[in-house]
Amino acid sequence: MKRVLFDVAALIARIVTGVIFVAHGWQKWQSGLGATTQGFREMGIPMPELAAGFTSVVETVGGIFLILGLLVRPVALLLLINMLGAIAFVHGGNGILSADNGWELPGSLGALSLLFLALGGGRIGLDGIFHSMFRRRSERRAAEEDLAAHTPGRHGATTAGTTGGVTGGPTTPAQGSAEHPDVPRQPAAPASGRLNDEDMRDIDALVSDEPPQRREPPARD
């Protein structure tokens, strides 16, 4: 709620201050740059040509920017410099009241410019709109990067899956028991399929109905 009140108050202050600056700047443009330069020279302002051009542009363009809420802080800095110059070279020695050509008006406008420089112009303006757009874009980009960082890649999952099976890597006992649980082991096959001489004699004895002849082991001396 306080932020909303500040935004509304900043908007009103910006519009009023901007209108005053535009009115003074437009008055200088209507009088002509030459007449403004001559008036600055008579008031003893140093470099009157440069000062007249700077004052006319800053007050007119800066006032419009304040109303729109665009580049509020840089514009407020230029307007503050303009008002400090007016107080130092024109109105400072005439007292406070505007009736005596005192620094009442430039002091008030300078204080408002200082406030805009320190706190900005609020969210109701072009600066606030651009800032909101950039913030949402950065938040969306950060969310996308965070999502991509926490999403496993397909290549890594495929490589991990083929390491133990496709590429012929070693299979752990836990994996073997999980794939083929409770499978009895078969007896090992003989190393060779050939029959020796003793087996052949046994086969011949069976065919001829004769008991197989067993060789006695040689007697030991």
C-alpha atoms as a PDB file:
ATOM      1  CA  MET A   1       0.000   0.000   0.000  1.00  0.00           C
ATOM      2  CA  LYS A   2       2.830   2.429   0.837  1.00  0.00           C
ATOM      3  CA  ARG A   3       4.454   1.704  -2.498  1.00  0.00           C
ATOM      4  CA  VAL A   4       1.242   2.509  -4.343  1.00  0.00           C
ATOM      5  CA  LEU A   5       0.880   5.794  -2.453  1.00  0.00           C
ATOM      6  CA  PHE A   6       4.461   6.708  -3.328  1.00  0.00           C
ATOM      7  CA  ASP A   7       3.862   5.913  -7.011  1.00  0.00           C
ATOM      8  CA  VAL A   8       0.749   8.103  -7.122  1.00  0.00           C
ATOM      9  CA  ALA A   9       2.453  10.962  -5.246  1.00  0.00           C
ATOM     10  CA  ALA A  10       5.536  10.716  -7.481  1.00  0.00           C
ATOM     11  CA  LEU A  11       3.320  10.826 -10.573  1.00  0.00           C
ATOM     12  CA  ILE A  12       1.543  13.990  -9.407  1.00  0.00           C
ATOM     13  CA  ALA A  13       4.819  15.669  -8.401  1.00  0.00           C
ATOM     14  CA  ARG A  14       6.425  14.735 -11.721  1.00  0.00           C
ATOM     15  CA  ILE A  15       3.563  16.155 -13.769  1.00  0.00           C
ATOM     16  CA  VAL A  16       3.390  19.428 -11.830  1.00  0.00           C
ATOM     17  CA  THR A  17       7.159  19.932 -11.838  1.00  0.00           C
ATOM     18  CA  GLY A  18       7.412  18.980 -15.502  1.00  0.00           C
ATOM     19  CA  VAL A  19       4.682  21.421 -16.505  1.00  0.00           C
ATOM     20  CA  ILE A  20       6.449  24.288 -14.681  1.00  0.00           C
ATOM     21  CA  PHE A  21       9.776  23.491 -16.365  1.00  0.00           C
ATOM     22  CA  VAL A  22       8.150  23.199 -19.800  1.00  0.00           C
ATOM     23  CA  ALA A  23       6.439  26.571 -19.308  1.00  0.00           C
ATOM     24  CA  HIS A  24       9.730  28.323 -18.459  1.00  0.00           C
ATOM     25  CA  GLY A  25      11.629  26.572 -21.232  1.00  0.00           C
ATOM     26  CA  TRP A  26       8.967  27.297 -23.820  1.00  0.00           C
ATOM     27  CA  GLN A  27       9.000  30.955 -22.784  1.00  0.00           C
ATOM     28  CA  LYS A  28      12.704  31.112 -23.556  1.00  0.00           C
ATOM     29  CA  TRP A  29      12.159  29.466 -26.957  1.00  0.00           C
ATOM     30  CA  GLN A  30       9.414  31.972 -27.815  1.00  0.00           C
ATOM     31  CA  SER A  31      11.647  34.880 -26.871  1.00  0.00           C
ATOM     32  CA  GLY A  32      14.353  33.483 -29.100  1.00  0.00           C
ATOM     33  CA  LEU A  33      17.784  32.167 -28.249  1.00  0.00           C
ATOM     34  CA  GLY A  34      19.368  35.550 -29.004  1.00  0.00           C
ATOM     35  CA  ALA A  35      17.103  37.425 -26.592  1.00  0.00           C
ATOM     36  CA  THR A  36      17.677  34.805 -23.913  1.00  0.00           C
ATOM     37  CA  THR A  37      21.422  35.044 -24.399  1.00  0.00           C
ATOM     38  CA  GLN A  38      21.261  38.847 -24.115  1.00  0.00           C
ATOM     39  CA  GLY A  39      19.236  38.594 -20.916  1.00  0.00           C
ATOM     40  CA  PHE A  40      21.745  36.148 -19.400  1.00  0.00           C
ATOM     41  CA  ARG A  41      24.579  38.471 -20.341  1.00  0.00           C
ATOM     42  CA  GLU A  42      22.906  41.398 -18.607  1.00  0.00           C
ATOM     43  CA  MET A  43      22.386  39.312 -15.476  1.00  0.00           C
ATOM     44  CA  GLY A  44      26.095  38.506 -15.382  1.00  0.00           C
ATOM     45  CA  ILE A  45      25.802  34.781 -16.147  1.00  0.00           C
ATOM     46  CA  PRO A  46      29.120  33.422 -17.470  1.00  0.00           C
ATOM     47  CA  MET A  47      29.160  31.999 -21.021  1.00  0.00           C
ATOM     48  CA  PRO A  48      25.658  33.336 -21.785  1.00  0.00           C
ATOM     49  CA  GLU A  49      25.366  31.628 -25.186  1.00  0.00           C
ATOM     50  CA  LEU A  50      26.072  28.184 -23.761  1.00  0.00           C
ATOM     51  CA  ALA A  51      24.006  28.857 -20.656  1.00  0.00           C
ATOM     52  CA  ALA A  52      21.006  30.030 -22.700  1.00  0.00           C
ATOM     53  CA  GLY A  53      21.047  26.971 -24.948  1.00  0.00           C
ATOM     54  CA  PHE A  54      21.530  24.581 -22.025  1.00  0.00           C
ATOM     55  CA  THR A  55      18.722  26.144 -19.996  1.00  0.00           C
ATOM     56  CA  SER A  56      16.236  26.245 -22.867  1.00  0.00           C
ATOM     57  CA  VAL A  57      16.810  22.618 -23.894  1.00  0.00           C
ATOM     58  CA  VAL A  58      16.986  21.160 -20.386  1.00  0.00           C
ATOM     59  CA  GLU A  59      13.883  22.936 -19.112  1.00  0.00           C
ATOM     60  CA  THR A  60      11.754  22.100 -22.164  1.00  0.00           C
ATOM     61  CA  VAL A  61      12.884  18.549 -22.943  1.00  0.00           C
ATOM     62  CA  GLY A  62      13.525  17.678 -19.292  1.00  0.00           C
ATOM     63  CA  GLY A  63      10.055  18.831 -18.317  1.00  0.00           C
ATOM     64  CA  ILE A  64       8.495  16.620 -21.000  1.00  0.00           C
ATOM     65  CA  PHE A  65      10.563  13.638 -19.833  1.00  0.00           C
ATOM     66  CA  LEU A  66       9.440  14.226 -16.248  1.00  0.00           C
ATOM     67  CA  ILE A  67       5.811  14.184 -17.302  1.00  0.00           C
ATOM     68  CA  LEU A  68       6.322  10.940 -19.230  1.00  0.00           C
ATOM     69  CA  GLY A  69       8.442   9.374 -16.491  1.00  0.00           C
ATOM     70  CA  LEU A  70      11.325   8.700 -18.881  1.00  0.00           C
ATOM     71  CA  LEU A  71      14.967   8.794 -17.712  1.00  0.00           C
ATOM     72  CA  VAL A  72      13.811  10.513 -14.545  1.00  0.00           C
ATOM     73  CA  ARG A  73      17.095  10.359 -12.619  1.00  0.00           C
ATOM     74  CA  PRO A  74      19.409  11.696 -15.375  1.00  0.00           C
ATOM     75  CA  VAL A  75      16.891  14.422 -16.232  1.00  0.00           C
ATOM     76  CA  ALA A  76      16.514  15.323 -12.551  1.00  0.00           C
ATOM     77  CA  LEU A  77      20.301  15.709 -12.274  1.00  0.00           C
ATOM     78  CA  LEU A  78      20.398  18.139 -15.220  1.00  0.00           C
ATOM     79  CA  LEU A  79      17.467  20.121 -13.860  1.00  0.00           C
ATOM     80  CA  LEU A  80      19.111  20.296 -10.427  1.00  0.00           C
ATOM     81  CA  ILE A  81      22.290  21.690 -11.990  1.00  0.00           C
ATOM     82  CA  ASN A  82      20.184  24.234 -13.875  1.00  0.00           C
ATOM     83  CA  MET A  83      18.444  25.398 -10.695  1.00  0.00           C
ATOM     84  CA  LEU A  84      21.688  25.582  -8.712  1.00  0.00           C
ATOM     85  CA  GLY A  85      23.106  27.799 -11.433  1.00  0.00           C
ATOM     86  CA  ALA A  86      20.037  30.032 -11.348  1.00  0.00           C
ATOM     87  CA  ILE A  87      20.300  30.394  -7.562  1.00  0.00           C
ATOM     88  CA  ALA A  88      24.052  31.013  -7.626  1.00  0.00           C
ATOM     89  CA  PHE A  89      24.135  33.589 -10.463  1.00  0.00           C
ATOM     90  CA  VAL A  90      20.711  35.248 -10.397  1.00  0.00           C
ATOM     91  CA  HIS A  91      18.439  34.712  -7.386  1.00  0.00           C
ATOM     92  CA  GLY A  92      20.751  33.955  -4.479  1.00  0.00           C
ATOM     93  CA  GLY A  93      21.386  37.564  -3.446  1.00  0.00           C
ATOM     94  CA  ASN A  94      17.767  38.718  -3.619  1.00  0.00           C
ATOM     95  CA  GLY A  95      16.325  36.927  -0.622  1.00  0.00           C
ATOM     96  CA  ILE A  96      13.747  34.150  -0.593  1.00  0.00           C
ATOM     97  CA  LEU A  97      10.480  35.546  -1.957  1.00  0.00           C
ATOM     98  CA  SER A  98       9.764  35.429  -5.654  1.00  0.00           C
ATOM     99  CA  ALA A  99       8.300  38.961  -5.471  1.00  0.00           C
ATOM    100  CA  ASP A 100      11.803  40.209  -4.784  1.00  0.00           C
ATOM    101  CA  ASN A 101      13.288  37.932  -7.473  1.00  0.00           C
ATOM    102  CA  GLY A 102      14.483  35.626  -4.708  1.00  0.00           C
ATOM    103  CA  TRP A 103      15.357  31.941  -4.859  1.00  0.00           C
ATOM    104  CA  GLU A 104      11.902  30.688  -3.761  1.00  0.00           C
ATOM    105  CA  LEU A 105      10.915  29.144  -7.129  1.00  0.00           C
ATOM    106  CA  PRO A 106      14.316  27.765  -8.223  1.00  0.00           C
ATOM    107  CA  GLY A 107      14.887  26.445  -4.700  1.00  0.00           C
ATOM    108  CA  SER A 108      11.584  24.549  -4.724  1.00  0.00           C
ATOM    109  CA  LEU A 109      12.154  23.158  -8.203  1.00  0.00           C
ATOM    110  CA  GLY A 110      15.712  22.191  -7.274  1.00  0.00           C
ATOM    111  CA  ALA A 111      14.516  20.366  -4.145  1.00  0.00           C
ATOM    112  CA  LEU A 112      11.981  18.405  -6.201  1.00  0.00           C
ATOM    113  CA  SER A 113      14.691  17.543  -8.731  1.00  0.00           C
ATOM    114  CA  LEU A 114      16.907  16.316  -5.893  1.00  0.00           C
ATOM    115  CA  LEU A 115      14.055  14.146  -4.621  1.00  0.00           C
ATOM    116  CA  PHE A 116      13.537  12.588  -8.075  1.00  0.00           C
ATOM    117  CA  LEU A 117      17.277  12.000  -8.355  1.00  0.00           C
ATOM    118  CA  ALA A 118      17.372  10.136  -5.044  1.00  0.00           C
ATOM    119  CA  LEU A 119      14.102   8.163  -5.185  1.00  0.00           C
ATOM    120  CA  GLY A 120      13.199   8.007  -8.849  1.00  0.00           C
ATOM    121  CA  GLY A 121       9.870   8.794 -10.430  1.00  0.00           C
ATOM    122  CA  GLY A 122       7.828   5.806  -9.283  1.00  0.00           C
ATOM    123  CA  ARG A 123       6.426   2.919 -11.268  1.00  0.00           C
ATOM    124  CA  ILE A 124       3.723   4.922 -13.064  1.00  0.00           C
ATOM    125  CA  GLY A 125       5.718   6.056 -16.054  1.00  0.00           C
ATOM    126  CA  LEU A 126       7.819   4.818 -18.949  1.00  0.00           C
ATOM    127  CA  ASP A 127      10.742   3.979 -16.682  1.00  0.00           C
ATOM    128  CA  GLY A 128       8.499   1.784 -14.543  1.00  0.00           C
ATOM    129  CA  ILE A 129       7.043   0.018 -17.595  1.00  0.00           C
ATOM    130  CA  PHE A 130      10.470  -0.704 -19.101  1.00  0.00           C
ATOM    131  CA  HIS A 131      11.834  -1.860 -15.747  1.00  0.00           C
ATOM    132  CA  SER A 132       8.899  -4.252 -15.300  1.00  0.00           C
ATOM    133  CA  MET A 133       9.389  -5.666 -18.803  1.00  0.00           C
ATOM    134  CA  PHE A 134      13.121  -6.233 -18.303  1.00  0.00           C
ATOM    135  CA  ARG A 135      12.559  -7.796 -14.879  1.00  0.00           C
ATOM    136  CA  ARG A 136       9.969 -10.255 -16.202  1.00  0.00           C
ATOM    137  CA  ARG A 137      12.240 -11.162 -19.106  1.00  0.00           C
ATOM    138  CA  SER A 138      15.206 -11.767 -16.808  1.00  0.00           C
ATOM    139  CA  GLU A 139      13.070 -13.839 -14.415  1.00  0.00           C
ATOM    140  CA  ARG A 140      11.775 -15.949 -17.299  1.00  0.00           C
ATOM    141  CA  ARG A 141      15.321 -16.453 -18.619  1.00  0.00           C
ATOM    142  CA  ALA A 142      16.542 -17.427 -15.148  1.00  0.00           C
ATOM    143  CA  ALA A 143      13.666 -19.909 -14.760  1.00  0.00           C
ATOM    144  CA  GLU A 144      14.468 -21.483 -18.145  1.00  0.00           C
ATOM    145  CA  GLU A 145      18.149 -21.802 -17.269  1.00  0.00           C
ATOM    146  CA  ASP A 146      17.292 -23.348 -13.893  1.00  0.00           C
ATOM    147  CA  LEU A 147      14.946 -25.857 -15.551  1.00  0.00           C
ATOM    148  CA  ALA A 148      17.572 -26.797 -18.127  1.00  0.00           C
ATOM    149  CA  ALA A 149      20.179 -27.270 -15.405  1.00  0.00           C
ATOM    150  CA  HIS A 150      17.943 -29.707 -13.459  1.00  0.00           C
ATOM    151  CA  THR A 151      16.784 -31.726 -16.513  1.00  0.00           C
ATOM    152  CA  PRO A 152      18.972 -34.828 -17.235  1.00  0.00           C
ATOM    153  CA  GLY A 153      20.211 -35.074 -20.794  1.00  0.00           C
ATOM    154  CA  ARG A 154      19.138 -37.892 -23.046  1.00  0.00           C
ATOM    155  CA  HIS A 155      22.680 -38.627 -24.141  1.00  0.00           C
ATOM    156  CA  GLY A 156      23.849 -39.182 -20.598  1.00  0.00           C
ATOM    157  CA  ALA A 157      20.933 -41.505 -19.820  1.00  0.00           C
ATOM    158  CA  THR A 158      21.564 -43.556 -22.985  1.00  0.00           C
ATOM    159  CA  THR A 159      25.261 -43.871 -22.264  1.00  0.00           C
ATOM    160  CA  ALA A 160      24.592 -44.973 -18.709  1.00  0.00           C
ATOM    161  CA  GLY A 161      22.103 -47.578 -19.903  1.00  0.00           C
ATOM    162  CA  THR A 162      24.406 -49.088 -22.531  1.00  0.00           C
ATOM    163  CA  THR A 163      27.504 -49.245 -20.368  1.00  0.00           C
ATOM    164  CA  GLY A 164      26.590 -52.469 -18.619  1.00  0.00           C
ATOM    165  CA  GLY A 165      24.629 -54.241 -21.343  1.00  0.00           C
ATOM    166  CA  VAL A 166      25.245 -53.102 -24.888  1.00  0.00           C
ATOM    167  CA  THR A 167      28.959 -52.535 -24.733  1.00  0.00           C
ATOM    168  CA  GLY A 168      29.565 -55.849 -23.017  1.00  0.00           C
ATOM    169  CA  GLY A 169      30.709 -54.437 -19.711  1.00  0.00           C
ATOM    170  CA  PRO A 170      30.924 -56.592 -16.599  1.00  0.00           C
ATOM    171  CA  THR A 171      27.645 -57.516 -15.001  1.00  0.00           C
ATOM    172  CA  THR A 172      27.473 -57.510 -11.242  1.00  0.00           C
ATOM    173  CA  PRO A 173      26.065 -60.475  -9.340  1.00  0.00           C
ATOM    174  CA  ALA A 174      23.128 -58.398  -8.207  1.00  0.00           C
ATOM    175  CA  GLN A 175      22.218 -57.701 -11.804  1.00  0.00           C
ATOM    176  CA  GLY A 176      22.509 -61.368 -12.796  1.00  0.00           C
ATOM    177  CA  SER A 177      20.345 -62.534  -9.926  1.00  0.00           C
ATOM    178  CA  ALA A 178      17.745 -59.879 -10.684  1.00  0.00           C
ATOM    179  CA  GLU A 179      17.484 -60.874 -14.346  1.00  0.00           C
ATOM    180  CA  HIS A 180      17.505 -64.703 -13.846  1.00  0.00           C
ATOM    181  CA  PRO A 181      16.323 -65.506 -10.303  1.00  0.00           C
ATOM    182  CA  ASP A 182      16.571 -69.117  -8.965  1.00  0.00           C
ATOM    183  CA  VAL A 183      17.886 -70.684 -12.170  1.00  0.00           C
ATOM    184  CA  PRO A 184      19.708 -73.990 -11.412  1.00  0.00           C
ATOM    185  CA  ARG A 185      23.104 -74.328 -12.826  1.00  0.00           C
ATOM    186  CA  GLN A 186      23.657 -77.066 -15.451  1.00  0.00           C
ATOM    187  CA  PRO A 187      26.565 -79.461 -15.118  1.00  0.00           C
ATOM    188  CA  ALA A 188      29.534 -78.528 -17.105  1.00  0.00           C
ATOM    189  CA  ALA A 189      29.841 -80.251 -20.433  1.00  0.00           C
ATOM    190  CA  PRO A 190      32.918 -82.372 -21.106  1.00  0.00           C
ATOM    191  CA  ALA A 191      35.811 -80.489 -22.442  1.00  0.00           C
ATOM    192  CA  SER A 192      36.007 -82.768 -25.500  1.00  0.00           C
ATOM    193  CA  GLY A 193      33.420 -84.841 -27.384  1.00  0.00           C
ATOM    194  CA  ARG A 194      35.839 -87.685 -28.214  1.00  0.00           C
ATOM    195  CA  LEU A 195      35.697 -91.227 -26.553  1.00  0.00           C
ATOM    196  CA  ASN A 196      38.819 -92.894 -25.229  1.00  0.00           C
ATOM    197  CA  ASP A 197      39.841 -96.544 -25.802  1.00  0.00           C
ATOM    198  CA  GLU A 198      38.299 -97.835 -22.575  1.00  0.00           C
ATOM    199  CA  ASP A 199      34.920 -96.421 -23.492  1.00  0.00           C
ATOM    200  CA  MET A 200      35.119 -98.064 -26.891  1.00  0.00           C
ATOM    201  CA  ARG A 201      35.832-101.468 -25.301  1.00  0.00           C
ATOM    202  CA  ASP A 202      32.865-101.131 -23.019  1.00  0.00           C
ATOM    203  CA  ILE A 203      30.647-100.384 -25.982  1.00  0.00           C
ATOM    204  CA  ASP A 204      31.960-103.441 -27.872  1.00  0.00           C
ATOM    205  CA  ALA A 205      31.309-105.666 -24.843  1.00  0.00           C
ATOM    206  CA  LEU A 206      27.745-104.479 -24.596  1.00  0.00           C
ATOM    207  CA  VAL A 207      27.129-105.146 -28.257  1.00  0.00           C
ATOM    208  CA  SER A 208      28.647-108.739 -28.065  1.00  0.00           C
ATOM    209  CA  ASP A 209      26.973-109.608 -24.733  1.00  0.00           C
ATOM    210  CA  GLU A 210      30.317-110.128 -23.116  1.00  0.00           C
ATOM    211  CA  PRO A 211      31.273-108.647 -19.841  1.00  0.00           C
ATOM    212  CA  PRO A 212      33.638-105.836 -20.281  1.00  0.00           C
ATOM    213  CA  GLN A 213      37.224-106.590 -19.588  1.00  0.00           C
ATOM    214  CA  ARG A 214      38.830-104.385 -17.120  1.00  0.00           C
ATOM    215  CA  ARG A 215      42.519-103.873 -17.139  1.00  0.00           C
ATOM    216  CA  GLU A 216      44.212-104.608 -13.890  1.00  0.00           C
ATOM    217  CA  PRO A 217      46.593-102.006 -12.728  1.00  0.00           C
ATOM    218  CA  PRO A 218      50.197-103.102 -13.018  1.00  0.00           C
ATOM    219  CA  ALA A 219      51.625-104.820  -9.951  1.00  0.00           C
ATOM    220  CA  ARG A 220      54.026-102.870  -7.952  1.00  0.00           C
ATOM    221  CA  ASP A 221      57.393-104.402  -7.134  1.00  0.00           C
END
